[in-house]
Amino acid sequence: MKEIILITGASGSLAKVVKQKLSSKYQIRLLTTNKKLVNKKSIFYWDVNKKYIDKNALHKCSHIIHLAGYPILNKWSKKNKKIIFKSRIETSELLYKKCKEHNIKPKTFISASAIGYYGLNAIGHKSEKEKKGNDWVAELVESWENSANNFKKLDCRVVNMRISLLISKKMAFLKYNILSVKFGIGLITGWKNRIFSWIHIDDVAKFIQNSIEKNKYSGVYNLATENNITELEFINILRKKYCSFAFIISVPKSLIKLVLGERRKIINTNYTVSVKKLKETNFEWTYKKFDEVV
C-alpha cells in the first residue's frame, strides 16, 4: 500500500509540481481553503481562523509537506502582515495540534521557509549556522521554523527549507522578464552588480522527495544552486536567448520605492547562501546554471 502524503498550499506552483512528482509513488492528499474544490477523497478542507482541519485528511498520514503561505510580495500593510504570519505559522501550529489530538504521528514534516531568515539587509555568504537577521521578515521566518519544529515532539523528522529565489518559466518573475526582453526591454530593478541566489522549482520538488525517502535529511537547508548570478548576468542570458538587441534599462530606485514601498527591500537583497550542507547529502541539481533554465 502506498504511503500517504498530505500537502498544504495546494493552489501554489510548488505544491502542483511536488504533487506531480510524487503521485506515482505515493497517495497524495491536499488541504485547501476553497470549499468548491473539496471532494473528501484527495482534497480536504481546512480553516485556520476556525481552527479546523477535516480529520480524514490526516488519517494514516505518513508525511506532511507544508507549503501554505499568503504571498509575501503582497502589500505590507499591517493587515497583510498578520495574514502572512497566520498563513504560515498558525497553520503549522494547527497541523501539529490536530495531529496530536488525533494521535497522528507522521514520519516526516517538511516545511517551506525562506532565506529571508538572514535579514533583508544581510551581506556576504550565509550558511545555515548564521544568526537571524533583525527585521520583521527574519522574525517571521524564525517563527515559521519554530512552529514546524513542534513536530519533533511527535518523534517526527523535521526539514525546514530556506528557499532562495524560486525559478520556473511558468512563474511570474521569470515569465514576465522573458516577456519584457522579447519586447526589447531588459529591466534591472536593483543595480546591475547585485548578486542573488536562486533554485529551479523542479529541484525543490526533488529535494522534497529526497527528504521523504532518505532519513539523513534533517533540520534546516539552504536551497539554492552553487551558481549565483548578478542582475546584469541574468538579463544578458535572457537577451542572448530571446532578443540580443533588447535595451537594458535600470528602473530608478525612486520609482521602485513608489510602487513597492517597504517591499522593495525583498527584491534588493545583496547576499548569497551556502549550499555546503545540501551538497553533503549528495544532492544532484537538474538545473545547475541559469542558462539551462531559460
Protein backbone atom coordinates (compact mmCIF):
# COMPACT_ATOMS: atom_id res chain seq x y z
CA MET A 1 0.00 0.00 0.00
CA LYS A 2 1.26 3.47 -0.90
CA GLU A 3 2.25 5.83 1.90
CA ILE A 4 0.02 8.87 2.29
CA ILE A 5 1.42 12.38 1.86
CA LEU A 6 -0.54 15.48 2.85
CA ILE A 7 0.34 18.73 1.04
CA THR A 8 -0.79 22.22 2.06
CA GLY A 9 -0.78 25.28 -0.19
CA ALA A 10 -2.48 23.22 -2.88
CA SER A 11 -3.05 26.12 -5.28
CA GLY A 12 0.59 27.21 -5.29
CA SER A 13 3.07 26.50 -8.08
CA LEU A 14 5.41 24.47 -5.88
CA ALA A 15 2.62 22.26 -4.48
CA LYS A 16 1.46 21.44 -8.01
CA VAL A 17 4.96 20.41 -9.10
CA VAL A 18 5.50 18.37 -5.92
CA LYS A 19 2.15 16.60 -6.36
CA GLN A 20 3.00 15.69 -9.94
CA LYS A 21 6.45 14.39 -8.94
CA LEU A 22 5.22 12.25 -6.04
CA SER A 23 1.85 10.97 -7.25
CA SER A 24 3.18 7.82 -8.94
CA LYS A 25 4.78 6.50 -5.74
CA TYR A 26 2.53 7.92 -3.03
CA GLN A 27 -1.11 8.59 -2.29
CA ILE A 28 -1.42 12.37 -2.32
CA ARG A 29 -3.89 14.37 -0.27
CA LEU A 30 -4.30 18.14 -0.45
CA LEU A 31 -5.60 20.71 2.03
CA THR A 32 -7.49 23.67 0.59
CA THR A 33 -9.38 26.69 1.90
CA ASN A 34 -11.65 26.61 -1.17
CA LYS A 35 -14.73 24.51 -0.37
CA LYS A 36 -15.60 24.24 -4.07
CA LEU A 37 -12.51 22.11 -4.67
CA VAL A 38 -13.18 19.64 -1.85
CA ASN A 39 -14.01 16.06 -2.81
CA LYS A 40 -13.26 14.39 0.56
CA LYS A 41 -11.17 11.76 -1.25
CA SER A 42 -7.96 13.53 -2.15
CA ILE A 43 -8.83 17.17 -1.42
CA PHE A 44 -9.93 18.23 2.06
CA TYR A 45 -10.99 21.48 3.69
CA TRP A 46 -9.26 23.42 6.44
CA ASP A 47 -9.78 26.83 8.04
CA VAL A 48 -7.09 28.27 10.29
CA ASN A 49 -9.43 31.00 11.58
CA LYS A 50 -11.85 28.36 12.87
CA LYS A 51 -9.01 26.04 13.96
CA TYR A 52 -10.47 23.34 11.72
CA ILE A 53 -8.96 20.54 9.65
CA ASP A 54 -11.00 17.68 8.25
CA LYS A 55 -9.61 14.82 10.34
CA ASN A 56 -9.89 12.47 7.34
CA ALA A 57 -7.06 14.43 5.69
CA LEU A 58 -4.73 13.33 8.49
CA HIS A 59 -5.88 9.70 8.82
CA LYS A 60 -2.91 7.34 8.41
CA CYS A 61 -0.81 10.20 7.05
CA SER A 62 2.90 9.29 6.80
CA HIS A 63 4.34 12.62 5.65
CA ILE A 64 3.24 16.27 5.67
CA ILE A 65 4.58 18.86 3.23
CA HIS A 66 3.63 22.31 4.47
CA LEU A 67 3.80 24.83 1.62
CA ALA A 68 0.91 27.14 2.52
CA GLY A 69 1.57 30.86 2.77
CA TYR A 70 -0.01 34.14 1.73
CA PRO A 71 2.29 35.70 -0.94
CA ILE A 72 4.89 37.86 0.77
CA LEU A 73 5.06 40.30 -2.14
CA ASN A 74 1.52 41.45 -1.43
CA LYS A 75 1.33 44.92 0.09
CA TRP A 76 2.97 45.03 3.52
CA SER A 77 0.08 46.66 5.33
CA LYS A 78 -0.48 45.89 8.99
CA LYS A 79 -3.43 43.70 8.00
CA ASN A 80 -1.48 41.78 5.36
CA LYS A 81 1.48 41.22 7.67
CA LYS A 82 -0.90 39.48 10.07
CA ILE A 83 -2.28 37.36 7.23
CA ILE A 84 1.26 36.49 6.08
CA PHE A 85 2.10 35.39 9.63
CA LYS A 86 -1.12 33.45 10.20
CA SER A 87 -0.94 31.63 6.86
CA ARG A 88 2.49 30.23 7.76
CA ILE A 89 2.89 29.94 11.50
CA GLU A 90 -0.65 29.43 12.72
CA THR A 91 -1.35 26.86 10.01
CA SER A 92 1.73 24.91 11.07
CA GLU A 93 0.65 25.10 14.70
CA LEU A 94 -2.84 23.93 13.73
CA LEU A 95 -1.42 20.93 11.87
CA TYR A 96 0.62 19.98 14.94
CA LYS A 97 -2.32 20.44 17.31
CA LYS A 98 -4.63 18.28 15.18
CA CYS A 99 -2.02 15.55 14.70
CA LYS A 100 -1.52 15.42 18.45
CA GLU A 101 -5.28 15.49 19.08
CA HIS A 102 -5.95 12.59 16.70
CA ASN A 103 -2.80 10.67 17.66
CA ILE A 104 -1.31 11.04 14.17
CA LYS A 105 2.47 10.65 14.14
CA PRO A 106 3.84 11.41 10.69
CA LYS A 107 7.34 10.20 9.87
CA THR A 108 8.32 13.47 8.25
CA PHE A 109 7.25 17.10 8.40
CA ILE A 110 8.72 19.22 5.60
CA SER A 111 8.09 22.95 5.74
CA ALA A 112 8.75 25.79 3.35
CA SER A 113 10.89 28.53 4.82
CA ALA A 114 12.99 31.30 3.28
CA ILE A 115 16.49 32.75 3.14
CA GLY A 116 14.83 35.89 4.50
CA TYR A 117 15.90 34.38 7.84
CA TYR A 118 19.25 36.14 7.37
CA GLY A 119 17.60 39.56 7.10
CA LEU A 120 16.83 41.89 4.22
CA ASN A 121 19.98 43.93 4.90
CA ALA A 122 22.30 40.92 5.15
CA ILE A 123 25.60 40.92 3.30
CA GLY A 124 28.06 38.19 2.36
CA HIS A 125 27.64 34.43 2.08
CA LYS A 126 25.29 32.80 4.60
CA SER A 127 25.35 29.25 5.97
CA GLU A 128 22.56 27.66 7.98
CA LYS A 129 24.55 28.38 11.16
CA GLU A 130 24.41 32.17 10.69
CA LYS A 131 22.47 34.33 13.14
CA LYS A 132 18.98 35.51 12.34
CA GLY A 133 18.51 38.97 10.84
CA ASN A 134 16.84 41.79 12.78
CA ASP A 135 13.86 42.78 10.60
CA TRP A 136 10.26 41.58 10.56
CA VAL A 137 10.86 39.09 7.71
CA ALA A 138 13.64 37.41 9.72
CA GLU A 139 11.33 37.26 12.74
CA LEU A 140 8.62 35.76 10.54
CA VAL A 141 10.92 33.03 9.24
CA GLU A 142 12.22 32.18 12.71
CA SER A 143 8.64 31.75 13.98
CA TRP A 144 7.82 29.73 10.87
CA GLU A 145 10.64 27.29 11.52
CA ASN A 146 9.93 27.10 15.25
CA SER A 147 6.31 26.17 14.54
CA ALA A 148 7.49 23.39 12.22
CA ASN A 149 9.88 22.12 14.89
CA ASN A 150 6.89 21.38 17.16
CA PHE A 151 6.58 18.13 15.23
CA LYS A 152 9.77 16.88 16.85
CA LYS A 153 7.61 16.36 19.94
CA LEU A 154 5.80 13.66 17.95
CA ASP A 155 9.13 11.91 17.18
CA CYS A 156 8.81 13.26 13.67
CA ARG A 157 11.77 14.16 11.47
CA VAL A 158 11.54 17.86 10.57
CA VAL A 159 13.05 19.53 7.49
CA ASN A 160 12.93 23.31 7.05
CA MET A 161 13.63 24.53 3.51
CA ARG A 162 15.18 28.00 3.33
CA ILE A 163 14.25 28.60 -0.27
CA SER A 164 16.07 31.22 -2.33
CA LEU A 165 14.53 32.87 -5.42
CA LEU A 166 12.28 30.17 -6.90
CA ILE A 167 12.63 29.96 -10.66
CA SER A 168 10.37 28.50 -13.36
CA LYS A 169 9.40 29.73 -16.82
CA LYS A 170 5.77 29.44 -15.71
CA MET A 171 6.22 31.63 -12.61
CA ALA A 172 5.81 35.39 -12.65
CA PHE A 173 9.41 36.52 -12.02
CA LEU A 174 10.98 34.72 -14.99
CA LYS A 175 7.85 34.68 -17.15
CA TYR A 176 7.47 38.47 -17.16
CA ASN A 177 11.18 39.16 -17.52
CA ILE A 178 11.28 36.94 -20.60
CA LEU A 179 8.23 38.72 -21.99
CA SER A 180 9.84 42.12 -21.38
CA VAL A 181 13.05 41.09 -23.16
CA LYS A 182 11.07 39.73 -26.11
CA PHE A 183 9.55 43.20 -26.44
CA GLY A 184 13.06 44.68 -26.47
CA ILE A 185 13.48 45.82 -22.88
CA GLY A 186 15.59 44.21 -20.16
CA LEU A 187 14.68 45.67 -16.79
CA ILE A 188 17.12 45.85 -13.89
CA THR A 189 15.20 46.52 -10.70
CA GLY A 190 18.12 46.78 -8.32
CA TRP A 191 21.61 47.53 -9.50
CA LYS A 192 23.45 45.63 -12.22
CA ASN A 193 26.03 44.00 -9.92
CA ARG A 194 23.51 42.92 -7.28
CA ILE A 195 24.06 39.20 -6.76
CA PHE A 196 21.39 36.73 -5.75
CA SER A 197 20.88 33.01 -5.10
CA TRP A 198 18.24 31.01 -6.96
CA ILE A 199 16.90 27.49 -7.47
CA HIS A 200 14.60 25.86 -10.01
CA ILE A 201 11.20 24.70 -8.80
CA ASP A 202 11.89 21.15 -10.06
CA ASP A 203 14.98 20.93 -7.85
CA VAL A 204 12.98 21.95 -4.78
CA ALA A 205 10.49 19.19 -5.63
CA LYS A 206 13.42 16.77 -5.96
CA PHE A 207 14.74 17.89 -2.57
CA ILE A 208 11.33 17.25 -1.03
CA GLN A 209 11.21 13.74 -2.46
CA ASN A 210 14.73 13.06 -1.18
CA SER A 211 13.74 14.36 2.25
CA ILE A 212 10.85 11.91 2.39
CA GLU A 213 12.85 8.92 1.21
CA LYS A 214 16.19 9.49 2.96
CA ASN A 215 16.38 9.75 6.73
CA LYS A 216 19.69 11.64 6.58
CA TYR A 217 17.77 14.79 5.64
CA SER A 218 17.00 16.67 8.85
CA GLY A 219 16.98 20.26 10.09
CA VAL A 220 17.49 23.43 8.08
CA TYR A 221 18.74 23.56 4.50
CA ASN A 222 19.53 26.48 2.25
CA LEU A 223 18.00 25.66 -1.13
CA ALA A 224 19.89 27.32 -3.97
CA THR A 225 22.33 26.43 -6.73
CA GLU A 226 26.07 26.95 -6.47
CA ASN A 227 25.95 29.34 -9.41
CA ASN A 228 24.70 32.68 -8.14
CA ILE A 229 24.20 35.43 -10.73
CA THR A 230 24.03 39.20 -10.88
CA GLU A 231 21.13 41.22 -12.25
CA LEU A 232 23.18 42.09 -15.33
CA GLU A 233 24.16 38.47 -15.98
CA PHE A 234 20.52 37.47 -15.59
CA ILE A 235 19.31 40.00 -18.16
CA ASN A 236 22.14 39.20 -20.59
CA ILE A 237 21.27 35.49 -20.52
CA LEU A 238 17.69 36.39 -21.46
CA ARG A 239 18.90 38.78 -24.19
CA LYS A 240 21.13 36.09 -25.68
CA LYS A 241 18.24 33.62 -25.81
CA TYR A 242 15.32 35.84 -26.81
CA CYS A 243 16.40 39.24 -28.16
CA SER A 244 20.05 40.24 -28.39
CA PHE A 245 19.12 43.83 -29.26
CA ALA A 246 16.96 44.40 -26.17
CA PHE A 247 17.78 47.64 -24.34
CA ILE A 248 18.86 47.33 -20.73
CA ILE A 249 17.04 49.82 -18.53
CA SER A 250 17.68 50.33 -14.82
CA VAL A 251 14.45 51.16 -13.04
CA PRO A 252 15.02 54.24 -10.83
CA LYS A 253 15.13 53.45 -7.12
CA SER A 254 12.61 56.24 -6.52
CA LEU A 255 10.10 54.52 -8.83
CA ILE A 256 10.64 51.14 -7.17
CA LYS A 257 10.08 52.76 -3.78
CA LEU A 258 6.93 54.48 -5.03
CA VAL A 259 5.46 51.26 -6.43
CA LEU A 260 6.60 48.75 -3.81
CA GLY A 261 7.27 50.79 -0.69
CA GLU A 262 8.88 48.68 2.04
CA ARG A 263 8.58 45.57 -0.14
CA ARG A 264 11.38 46.87 -2.37
CA LYS A 265 13.83 45.51 0.21
CA ILE A 266 12.91 41.93 -0.61
CA ILE A 267 13.93 42.32 -4.26
CA ASN A 268 17.02 44.36 -3.47
CA THR A 269 18.85 41.98 -1.15
CA ASN A 270 22.54 41.54 -1.91
CA TYR A 271 23.77 38.32 -0.30
CA THR A 272 24.11 34.67 -1.25
CA VAL A 273 23.63 31.42 0.65
CA SER A 274 25.92 28.46 1.17
CA VAL A 275 24.77 25.06 -0.13
CA LYS A 276 27.56 23.08 1.53
CA LYS A 277 25.11 21.21 3.77
CA LEU A 278 22.93 20.36 0.77
CA LYS A 279 25.95 19.09 -1.19
CA GLU A 280 26.91 16.84 1.72
CA THR A 281 23.70 14.88 1.06
CA ASN A 282 24.98 14.19 -2.49
CA PHE A 283 22.08 16.17 -3.90
CA GLU A 284 22.19 16.44 -7.71
CA TRP A 285 20.71 19.56 -9.27
CA THR A 286 18.75 19.21 -12.51
CA TYR A 287 19.37 22.89 -13.25
CA LYS A 288 22.82 24.00 -12.14
CA LYS A 289 23.23 27.07 -14.34
CA PHE A 290 20.72 29.76 -15.18
CA ASP A 291 21.11 29.42 -18.95
CA GLU A 292 19.87 25.82 -18.58
CA VAL A 293 16.55 27.14 -17.26
CA VAL A 294 15.66 29.64 -19.98
